[in-house]
C-alpha cells in the first residue's frame, strides 16, 4: 500500500509542495517533481530537495528512490530567473560545506540507497545535474531532451556537470555537450553514456518499476556497501563547489545578464517554442 510523505514544511494552498514523495513500500520511494507549467527550480524547490535528502538519510528501510515528474514535457528544467538570487545565496551551507543545491547532489550520490532518474521530457540544466547525481538514469526515447545550456547564454553550470560528465562520457564529449549547449536526444545520450538507456516511451515506466522493485527486495547492507565502493571513483566535492562559485560569478557578468534578457524577450521562461527548442534559440543568440 502506497503512502504519501509531505516533504515541504509550512505548505499552504498558495504555496503547494513542488516535490511529492510516495512510499510504494518501506524500501521503495518515488519522488515526483511537480512544479508546472515548465518545472523550473527556484529557492523553494532547493529547500524541498534539502529536506528530502535529510529524510532519506534518516530512514533505515528505504533502498531505492526513483525521481520522476508530473509536468507534461518536463523532467526538471533550468533555474527560476524570476526569483530573487539572494533567496538562494543566503541559504546556509549543507553538511558537506557546499551550498544547498550542490550539497544535495553530493549527498544523493553518496546516499546508501539506489537512486534512479526516470526522464520524460526536458532535463535542462538542473535536470541534467540531477540525473548525473543519480546512480542510474533511463529516458523516453521519443519525449526526452537533455541539455547543459548554460554556456550558450554566458553562464557556467552550477551543479557539477564539469566534474561528473567527463567520467561518464570522456573529456571530449563532455566539452561537446557543455560548450555546444545543444539539446541532446535520448538516443544520442545513451550512445555517449550520458544515461543508462533510452527506452520506447510506452516501455519506460514498466522497465523502471520492475528494476526498482527488484532492487528494493535486496539486502540494504549489500546495496549500500557496493555503492560505497563504486563511489571511490567520484570527483572530490571541491570540484562541484568550484562550479557553483563560477556560476554565481557568471550571473553578475553583463554577458549573462544580456543573454538571459534576450531569451526572455523571445519567450524564455514560459511555455512555448523557446523552452521547447532552447538549443536552437541559443544558437540564434550567438549570431
Protein backbone atom coordinates (compact mmCIF):
# COMPACT_ATOMS: atom_id res chain seq x y z
CA UNK A 1 0.00 0.00 0.00
CA UNK A 2 1.44 3.37 -1.04
CA UNK A 3 1.67 6.28 1.39
CA UNK A 4 2.39 9.94 0.64
CA UNK A 5 5.02 11.82 2.60
CA UNK A 6 4.92 15.60 2.87
CA UNK A 7 8.44 16.98 2.41
CA UNK A 8 7.99 20.76 2.35
CA UNK A 9 7.28 22.46 5.64
CA UNK A 10 4.65 25.20 6.04
CA UNK A 11 2.84 24.29 2.83
CA UNK A 12 -0.30 26.26 2.05
CA UNK A 13 -2.84 26.47 -0.72
CA UNK A 14 -0.90 29.37 -2.21
CA UNK A 15 2.44 27.55 -1.96
CA UNK A 16 1.90 23.86 -2.69
CA UNK A 17 4.78 21.43 -2.45
CA UNK A 18 6.93 21.24 -5.58
CA UNK A 19 8.21 17.78 -4.65
CA UNK A 20 5.89 14.91 -3.73
CA UNK A 21 7.14 11.69 -2.14
CA UNK A 22 5.22 8.44 -2.37
CA UNK A 23 6.34 5.40 -0.44
CA UNK A 24 5.45 2.49 -2.71
CA UNK A 25 6.78 0.33 0.11
CA UNK A 26 9.12 0.97 3.04
CA UNK A 27 12.03 0.05 0.72
CA UNK A 28 10.91 1.82 -2.48
CA UNK A 29 10.14 5.55 -2.70
CA UNK A 30 9.05 7.71 -5.62
CA UNK A 31 9.96 11.41 -5.70
CA UNK A 32 7.81 13.35 -8.16
CA UNK A 33 8.76 16.84 -9.27
CA UNK A 34 5.56 18.86 -9.55
CA UNK A 35 6.09 22.50 -10.47
CA UNK A 36 4.02 23.37 -13.57
CA UNK A 37 3.96 24.79 -16.12
CA UNK A 38 7.66 24.32 -17.05
CA UNK A 39 9.25 22.78 -13.93
CA UNK A 40 11.80 25.49 -13.16
CA UNK A 41 13.82 25.22 -9.94
CA UNK A 42 13.76 28.16 -7.54
CA UNK A 43 14.79 28.59 -3.89
CA UNK A 44 11.62 26.88 -2.61
CA UNK A 45 12.39 23.70 -4.55
CA UNK A 46 16.01 23.75 -3.39
CA UNK A 47 14.78 23.84 0.22
CA UNK A 48 12.46 20.90 -0.51
CA UNK A 49 15.36 18.91 -2.00
CA UNK A 50 17.33 19.67 1.18
CA UNK A 51 14.51 18.35 3.35
CA UNK A 52 14.14 15.31 1.08
CA UNK A 53 17.77 14.28 1.43
CA UNK A 54 17.58 14.72 5.20
CA UNK A 55 14.56 12.41 5.35
CA UNK A 56 16.17 9.83 3.05
CA UNK A 57 19.38 9.80 5.10
CA UNK A 58 17.42 9.28 8.33
CA UNK A 59 15.29 6.39 7.05
CA UNK A 60 16.68 2.91 7.70
CA UNK A 61 14.33 0.99 5.41
CA UNK A 62 14.50 2.78 2.06
CA UNK A 63 16.68 1.01 -0.51
CA UNK A 64 15.57 2.57 -3.81
CA UNK A 65 14.39 6.05 -4.75
CA UNK A 66 13.06 6.92 -8.23
CA UNK A 67 12.85 10.54 -9.41
CA UNK A 68 10.15 11.37 -11.97
CA UNK A 69 7.92 14.31 -12.93
CA UNK A 70 4.22 15.03 -13.18
CA UNK A 71 4.74 18.03 -15.51
CA UNK A 72 3.99 17.27 -19.15
CA UNK A 73 7.06 17.80 -21.30
CA UNK A 74 9.50 18.40 -18.43
CA UNK A 75 11.54 16.31 -16.01
CA UNK A 76 13.36 19.20 -14.27
CA UNK A 77 14.21 22.44 -16.02
CA UNK A 78 16.65 25.31 -15.55
CA UNK A 79 16.69 27.69 -12.59
CA UNK A 80 13.94 30.20 -11.93
CA UNK A 81 15.41 33.50 -13.16
CA UNK A 82 12.41 35.44 -11.87
CA UNK A 83 13.27 34.53 -8.25
CA UNK A 84 15.47 36.68 -6.05
CA UNK A 85 19.07 35.46 -6.22
CA UNK A 86 19.65 36.42 -2.59
CA UNK A 87 16.91 33.98 -1.53
CA UNK A 88 19.19 31.25 -2.86
CA UNK A 89 22.60 32.61 -1.92
CA UNK A 90 21.52 33.46 1.64
CA UNK A 91 20.74 29.80 2.44
CA UNK A 92 23.25 28.22 4.83
CA UNK A 93 25.65 25.59 3.52
CA UNK A 94 24.70 21.96 3.90
CA UNK A 95 26.54 19.30 5.93
CA UNK A 96 29.11 18.85 3.16
CA UNK A 97 30.06 22.52 3.43
CA UNK A 98 28.69 23.15 -0.04
CA UNK A 99 25.77 25.47 -0.90
CA UNK A 100 22.35 23.76 -0.77
CA UNK A 101 21.99 22.61 -4.40
CA UNK A 102 25.45 21.02 -4.88
CA UNK A 103 25.20 19.78 -1.28
CA UNK A 104 22.00 17.91 -2.17
CA UNK A 105 23.59 16.42 -5.30
CA UNK A 106 26.70 15.21 -3.45
CA UNK A 107 24.64 13.68 -0.64
CA UNK A 108 22.32 11.96 -3.12
CA UNK A 109 25.28 10.33 -4.87
CA UNK A 110 26.66 9.16 -1.51
CA UNK A 111 23.29 8.06 -0.12
CA UNK A 112 23.35 4.34 0.77
CA UNK A 113 20.29 3.90 -1.44
CA UNK A 114 19.99 3.18 -5.17
CA UNK A 115 18.78 6.32 -6.98
CA UNK A 116 17.16 6.21 -10.42
CA UNK A 117 16.10 9.07 -12.70
CA UNK A 118 13.07 8.34 -14.89
CA UNK A 119 13.25 11.05 -17.54
CA UNK A 120 10.31 12.01 -19.71
CA UNK A 121 10.54 15.49 -21.20
CA UNK A 122 13.25 18.12 -20.84
CA UNK A 123 16.08 17.69 -18.34
CA UNK A 124 17.68 21.11 -18.79
CA UNK A 125 20.47 22.42 -16.56
CA UNK A 126 19.31 21.38 -13.10
CA UNK A 127 17.54 18.35 -14.55
CA UNK A 128 20.75 17.17 -16.19
CA UNK A 129 22.62 17.76 -12.93
CA UNK A 130 20.06 15.68 -11.04
CA UNK A 131 20.32 12.74 -13.45
CA UNK A 132 24.13 12.92 -13.22
CA UNK A 133 23.89 12.70 -9.42
CA UNK A 134 21.62 9.64 -9.61
CA UNK A 135 23.09 6.15 -9.79
CA UNK A 136 21.12 5.25 -12.92
CA UNK A 137 19.02 7.12 -15.47
CA UNK A 138 16.52 5.93 -18.07
CA UNK A 139 14.84 8.18 -20.61
CA UNK A 140 11.90 8.15 -23.00
CA UNK A 141 13.31 7.76 -26.50
CA UNK A 142 10.58 9.86 -28.06
CA UNK A 143 10.00 12.50 -25.40
CA UNK A 144 13.28 13.26 -23.63
CA UNK A 145 15.75 16.08 -24.27
CA UNK A 146 18.82 16.62 -22.07
CA UNK A 147 20.75 19.87 -22.04
CA UNK A 148 23.52 21.70 -20.25
CA UNK A 149 22.53 25.01 -21.78
CA UNK A 150 24.48 27.45 -19.64
CA UNK A 151 27.46 28.37 -21.85
CA UNK A 152 25.06 29.38 -24.62
CA UNK A 153 23.80 32.26 -22.51
CA UNK A 154 27.14 33.24 -20.95
CA UNK A 155 26.81 31.19 -17.77
CA UNK A 156 28.71 28.32 -16.14
CA UNK A 157 26.72 25.36 -14.82
CA UNK A 158 26.47 25.34 -11.02
CA UNK A 159 25.58 21.73 -10.19
CA UNK A 160 28.75 19.89 -11.10
CA UNK A 161 28.46 18.63 -14.72
CA UNK A 162 32.05 19.73 -15.45
CA UNK A 163 33.18 17.33 -12.71
CA UNK A 164 30.78 14.47 -13.45
CA UNK A 165 30.35 14.37 -17.23
CA UNK A 166 33.98 13.60 -18.22
CA UNK A 167 33.89 10.44 -16.09
CA UNK A 168 30.77 9.24 -17.89
CA UNK A 169 31.32 10.28 -21.49
CA UNK A 170 35.00 11.25 -21.71
CA UNK A 171 36.60 14.68 -21.81
CA UNK A 172 35.97 15.44 -25.48
CA UNK A 173 32.29 14.52 -25.44
CA UNK A 174 31.82 16.37 -22.16
CA UNK A 175 33.17 19.51 -23.80
CA UNK A 176 30.91 18.97 -26.82
CA UNK A 177 27.87 18.75 -24.54
CA UNK A 178 28.84 21.71 -22.36
CA UNK A 179 30.22 24.11 -24.96
CA UNK A 180 27.65 23.47 -27.69
CA UNK A 181 24.71 23.96 -25.28
CA UNK A 182 22.74 21.81 -27.72
CA UNK A 183 19.59 19.81 -27.00
CA UNK A 184 20.52 16.14 -26.83
CA UNK A 185 18.01 13.46 -27.71
CA UNK A 186 17.79 10.29 -25.63
CA UNK A 187 19.35 8.02 -28.28
CA UNK A 188 22.44 10.22 -28.51
CA UNK A 189 22.65 10.50 -24.72
CA UNK A 190 22.57 6.70 -24.48
CA UNK A 191 25.24 6.32 -27.16
CA UNK A 192 27.51 8.76 -25.29
CA UNK A 193 26.96 7.09 -21.91
CA UNK A 194 25.21 10.18 -20.53
CA UNK A 195 22.26 7.97 -19.49
CA UNK A 196 21.95 4.22 -19.00
CA UNK A 197 19.31 3.57 -21.64
CA UNK A 198 16.85 5.24 -23.98
CA UNK A 199 13.65 3.22 -23.98
CA UNK A 200 10.44 3.42 -26.02
CA UNK A 201 8.12 5.74 -24.13
CA UNK A 202 5.48 3.00 -23.85
CA UNK A 203 8.01 0.74 -22.08
CA UNK A 204 9.75 3.26 -19.82
CA UNK A 205 7.50 3.16 -16.76
CA UNK A 206 7.25 -0.62 -16.63
CA UNK A 207 11.01 -1.03 -17.04
CA UNK A 208 11.88 1.38 -14.21
CA UNK A 209 9.15 -0.04 -11.98
CA UNK A 210 10.44 -3.59 -12.45
CA UNK A 211 14.06 -2.56 -11.83
CA UNK A 212 13.24 -0.51 -8.73
CA UNK A 213 11.01 -3.26 -7.32
CA UNK A 214 13.75 -5.84 -7.92
CA UNK A 215 16.48 -3.82 -6.20
CA UNK A 216 14.15 -2.98 -3.30
CA UNK A 217 13.98 -6.71 -2.48
CA UNK A 218 17.73 -6.98 -1.96
CA UNK A 219 19.69 -6.54 1.27
CA UNK A 220 20.30 -2.88 2.15
CA UNK A 221 23.77 -3.53 3.59
CA UNK A 222 24.84 -5.12 0.31
CA UNK A 223 23.37 -2.23 -1.72
CA UNK A 224 24.99 0.41 0.49
CA UNK A 225 28.45 -1.16 0.56
CA UNK A 226 28.50 -1.91 -3.16
CA UNK A 227 27.63 1.71 -3.85
CA UNK A 228 30.22 2.93 -1.32
CA UNK A 229 32.98 1.02 -3.10
CA UNK A 230 31.90 2.16 -6.57
CA UNK A 231 31.89 5.74 -5.25
CA UNK A 232 35.66 5.69 -4.70
CA UNK A 233 35.95 6.94 -8.29
CA UNK A 234 33.83 10.08 -7.69
CA UNK A 235 35.28 13.56 -8.22
CA UNK A 236 36.08 15.42 -4.98
CA UNK A 237 33.45 17.74 -3.55
CA UNK A 238 35.65 20.76 -4.13
CA UNK A 239 35.18 20.36 -7.89
CA UNK A 240 31.42 20.80 -7.52
CA UNK A 241 31.96 23.75 -5.23
CA UNK A 242 34.20 25.40 -7.82
CA UNK A 243 31.47 25.06 -10.42
CA UNK A 244 28.93 26.71 -8.11
CA UNK A 245 31.29 29.61 -7.43
CA UNK A 246 31.85 30.07 -11.16
CA UNK A 247 28.09 30.00 -11.78
CA UNK A 248 27.46 32.79 -9.26
CA UNK A 249 30.31 34.84 -10.70
CA UNK A 250 28.88 34.38 -14.19
CA UNK A 251 25.45 35.62 -13.11
CA UNK A 252 26.96 39.02 -12.33
CA UNK A 253 28.56 39.41 -15.74
CA UNK A 254 26.91 41.63 -18.38
CA UNK A 255 27.22 38.84 -20.98
CA UNK A 256 24.99 36.51 -18.94
CA UNK A 257 22.54 39.25 -17.95
CA UNK A 258 22.18 40.34 -21.57
CA UNK A 259 21.83 36.76 -22.78
CA UNK A 260 19.07 35.92 -20.32
CA UNK A 261 17.31 39.21 -21.09
CA UNK A 262 17.45 38.46 -24.83
CA UNK A 263 15.98 35.00 -24.29
CA UNK A 264 13.24 36.43 -22.07
CA UNK A 265 12.29 38.84 -24.85
CA UNK A 266 11.81 35.85 -27.16
CA UNK A 267 9.57 33.97 -24.72
CA UNK A 268 12.02 32.14 -22.46
CA UNK A 269 10.74 31.07 -19.02
CA UNK A 270 7.18 30.35 -20.13
CA UNK A 271 5.54 27.57 -22.15
CA UNK A 272 6.31 27.86 -25.83
CA UNK A 273 8.81 27.39 -28.59
CA UNK A 274 11.83 28.90 -26.82
CA UNK A 275 11.60 26.43 -23.95
CA UNK A 276 10.77 23.58 -26.33
CA UNK A 277 13.71 24.31 -28.63
CA UNK A 278 16.14 26.03 -26.30
CA UNK A 279 19.23 24.75 -28.09
CA UNK A 280 18.07 26.30 -31.36
CA UNK A 281 17.39 29.70 -29.80
CA UNK A 282 20.74 29.75 -28.01
CA UNK A 283 22.36 29.36 -31.41
CA UNK A 284 20.38 32.33 -32.66
CA UNK A 285 21.62 34.48 -29.79
CA UNK A 286 25.20 33.79 -30.78
CA UNK A 287 24.56 35.19 -34.27
